[in-house]
Structures are given as C-alpha cells and as structure tokens.
Amino acid sequence: MTCSAFAAMMNCDRHELSRKLSELKCEPVGSKNGGQVFNLRDLVLAFSGGDERAERIRRTRAEAKRLELQNAKTEGELVEVEMVKALGMKFCSAIKQRILNSPLPADEQDLILCDLAELSSQDWGK
C-alpha cells in the first residue's frame, strides 16, 4: 500500500507518516502510480509511532536495572533512603542530648546546636 493511500485511509498526515517510515528505516517494496509501496506492517508501525523491538529492549533494560538494584540491596550494598534518614535523626538527637548535658557554656552549646540543626534540616535523600 502506498504511504499516501494509507495516510488517507487512517486520516493522518502523509508527510509525518513518511518521516516515521524513514526513521524506522522502512524500505519500499515497490511503486504504484508514482508512489512508493510499503509493507502494511511497516505502515502500521510508523502510524502507531512504536517499534516493537525498541519497546522490548526498553523493557529488558528496565528489568535488568531492577534486578541489579535488588541484588545490591540483598548483598547489603544498597540501603533504603528512609532507613538512613531515620538513623541520621536518631544520631542527631543523641548528639544534641550529649551537647546539652555537657559542661560547655550555653553560648557554645547554642553555636554547636545551630550547626547540628542545619545539618539535620538537609535533604540527605538526594
């Protein structure tokens, strides 16, 4: 079927369809009435904007990445952000108590506690 005939049948822009056929590297299988004839499969792929092989590759890569992250977590090389944040908050709280119970003068305690508060307010999840 020609690109023009398919575009008319599907009510789409033939120039856009031609561009997508070119991007997919679809070769014409002949010519008819001065236009190039393409396989219906190629026309449908170009019309839908998708390439089944590219989608399969994308899914395979995503699955591989998911498995790599799962393996890293299982092996203890990866920890959850929320767990690290909770541990950091406990750590800051313990340090705060040690500072408040220390013999340091109040003004020095305030300076240290301000620094600690600034550290605690950081977004360590990034």
Protein backbone atom coordinates (compact mmCIF):
# COMPACT_ATOMS: atom_id res chain seq x y z
CA MET A 1 0.00 0.00 0.00
CA THR A 2 1.30 3.48 -0.74
CA CYS A 3 2.07 5.91 2.04
CA SER A 4 -0.46 8.41 0.64
CA ALA A 5 -3.26 5.84 0.42
CA PHE A 6 -2.61 4.61 3.97
CA ALA A 7 -2.46 8.18 5.30
CA ALA A 8 -5.79 8.98 3.63
CA MET A 9 -7.37 5.81 4.97
CA MET A 10 -6.13 6.47 8.53
CA ASN A 11 -6.82 10.23 8.31
CA CYS A 12 -3.27 11.22 9.21
CA ASP A 13 -0.60 13.48 7.73
CA ARG A 14 1.25 11.67 4.93
CA HIS A 15 4.38 13.77 5.44
CA GLU A 16 4.54 12.76 9.11
CA LEU A 17 3.96 9.13 8.13
CA SER A 18 6.77 9.35 5.55
CA ARG A 19 9.09 10.82 8.18
CA LYS A 20 8.32 8.00 10.61
CA LEU A 21 8.86 5.39 7.87
CA SER A 22 12.23 6.96 7.22
CA GLU A 23 13.12 6.98 10.95
CA LEU A 24 12.23 3.29 11.17
CA LYS A 25 14.39 2.69 8.08
CA CYS A 26 11.50 1.00 6.26
CA GLU A 27 12.32 0.23 2.65
CA PRO A 28 9.63 0.41 -0.03
CA VAL A 29 8.75 -2.90 -1.64
CA GLY A 30 7.74 -1.36 -4.97
CA SER A 31 5.99 1.56 -6.60
CA LYS A 32 2.47 2.24 -7.81
CA ASN A 33 1.08 5.28 -9.62
CA GLY A 34 4.27 7.22 -8.93
CA GLY A 35 4.23 6.48 -5.18
CA GLN A 36 6.27 4.07 -3.12
CA VAL A 37 4.59 0.91 -1.85
CA PHE A 38 5.35 -0.26 1.71
CA ASN A 39 4.51 -3.38 3.68
CA LEU A 40 1.35 -2.92 5.71
CA ARG A 41 3.29 -3.89 8.87
CA ASP A 42 5.75 -1.03 8.30
CA LEU A 43 2.91 1.42 7.68
CA VAL A 44 1.14 0.37 10.87
CA LEU A 45 4.38 0.64 12.89
CA ALA A 46 5.03 4.11 11.52
CA PHE A 47 1.42 5.15 12.15
CA SER A 48 1.42 3.89 15.74
CA GLY A 49 4.77 5.56 16.35
CA GLY A 50 6.18 2.47 18.01
CA ASP A 51 8.77 -0.09 17.26
CA GLU A 52 8.12 -3.42 18.94
CA ARG A 53 11.82 -4.28 19.08
CA ALA A 54 12.73 -0.96 20.71
CA GLU A 55 9.98 -1.43 23.30
CA ARG A 56 11.20 -4.95 24.05
CA ILE A 57 14.75 -3.64 24.52
CA ARG A 58 13.49 -0.87 26.84
CA ARG A 59 11.58 -3.39 28.96
CA THR A 60 14.59 -5.75 29.10
CA ARG A 61 16.88 -2.91 30.24
CA ALA A 62 14.38 -1.81 32.89
CA GLU A 63 14.09 -5.38 34.19
CA ALA A 64 17.89 -5.74 34.27
CA LYS A 65 18.21 -2.48 36.22
CA ARG A 66 15.52 -3.61 38.68
CA LEU A 67 17.35 -6.92 39.24
CA GLU A 68 20.70 -5.14 39.73
CA LEU A 69 19.17 -2.89 42.39
CA GLN A 70 17.50 -5.87 44.07
CA ASN A 71 20.82 -7.77 44.11
CA ALA A 72 22.69 -4.77 45.52
CA LYS A 73 20.09 -4.47 48.28
CA THR A 74 20.28 -8.20 49.06
CA GLU A 75 24.09 -8.04 49.25
CA GLY A 76 23.96 -5.05 51.61
CA GLU A 77 25.43 -2.62 49.08
CA LEU A 78 22.23 -0.59 48.94
CA VAL A 79 20.01 0.70 51.72
CA GLU A 80 16.66 2.48 51.72
CA VAL A 81 16.73 6.27 51.99
CA GLU A 82 14.07 6.30 54.73
CA MET A 83 16.17 3.96 56.87
CA VAL A 84 19.23 6.22 56.51
CA LYS A 85 17.13 9.32 57.31
CA ALA A 86 15.72 7.69 60.46
CA LEU A 87 19.20 6.64 61.58
CA GLY A 88 20.51 10.18 60.93
CA MET A 89 17.71 11.69 63.03
CA LYS A 90 18.50 9.31 65.92
CA PHE A 91 22.17 10.20 65.61
CA CYS A 92 21.46 13.95 65.66
CA SER A 93 19.13 13.54 68.64
CA ALA A 94 21.79 11.64 70.60
CA ILE A 95 24.42 14.27 69.83
CA LYS A 96 22.03 17.04 70.87
CA GLN A 97 21.48 15.37 74.25
CA ARG A 98 25.23 14.96 74.77
CA ILE A 99 25.79 18.64 73.98
CA LEU A 100 23.00 19.78 76.33
CA ASN A 101 24.40 17.61 79.14
CA SER A 102 27.99 18.76 78.56
CA PRO A 103 29.81 21.31 80.73
CA LEU A 104 30.18 23.66 77.74
CA PRO A 105 28.99 27.23 78.24
CA ALA A 106 25.47 27.94 76.94
CA ASP A 107 26.67 30.18 74.08
CA GLU A 108 29.00 27.44 72.78
CA GLN A 109 26.22 24.88 73.11
CA ASP A 110 23.94 27.17 71.09
CA LEU A 111 26.53 27.52 68.29
CA ILE A 112 27.00 23.75 68.08
CA LEU A 113 23.26 23.08 68.24
CA CYS A 114 22.65 25.59 65.42
CA ASP A 115 25.19 23.74 63.26
CA LEU A 116 23.56 20.44 64.17
CA ALA A 117 20.09 21.81 63.33
CA GLU A 118 21.38 22.96 59.95
CA LEU A 119 22.77 19.50 59.25
CA SER A 120 19.51 17.88 60.40
CA SER A 121 17.44 20.03 58.05
CA GLN A 122 19.41 18.97 54.95
CA ASP A 123 17.68 16.69 52.47
CA TRP A 124 20.03 13.71 52.60
CA GLY A 125 17.83 11.69 50.25
CA LYS A 126 19.27 13.29 47.12
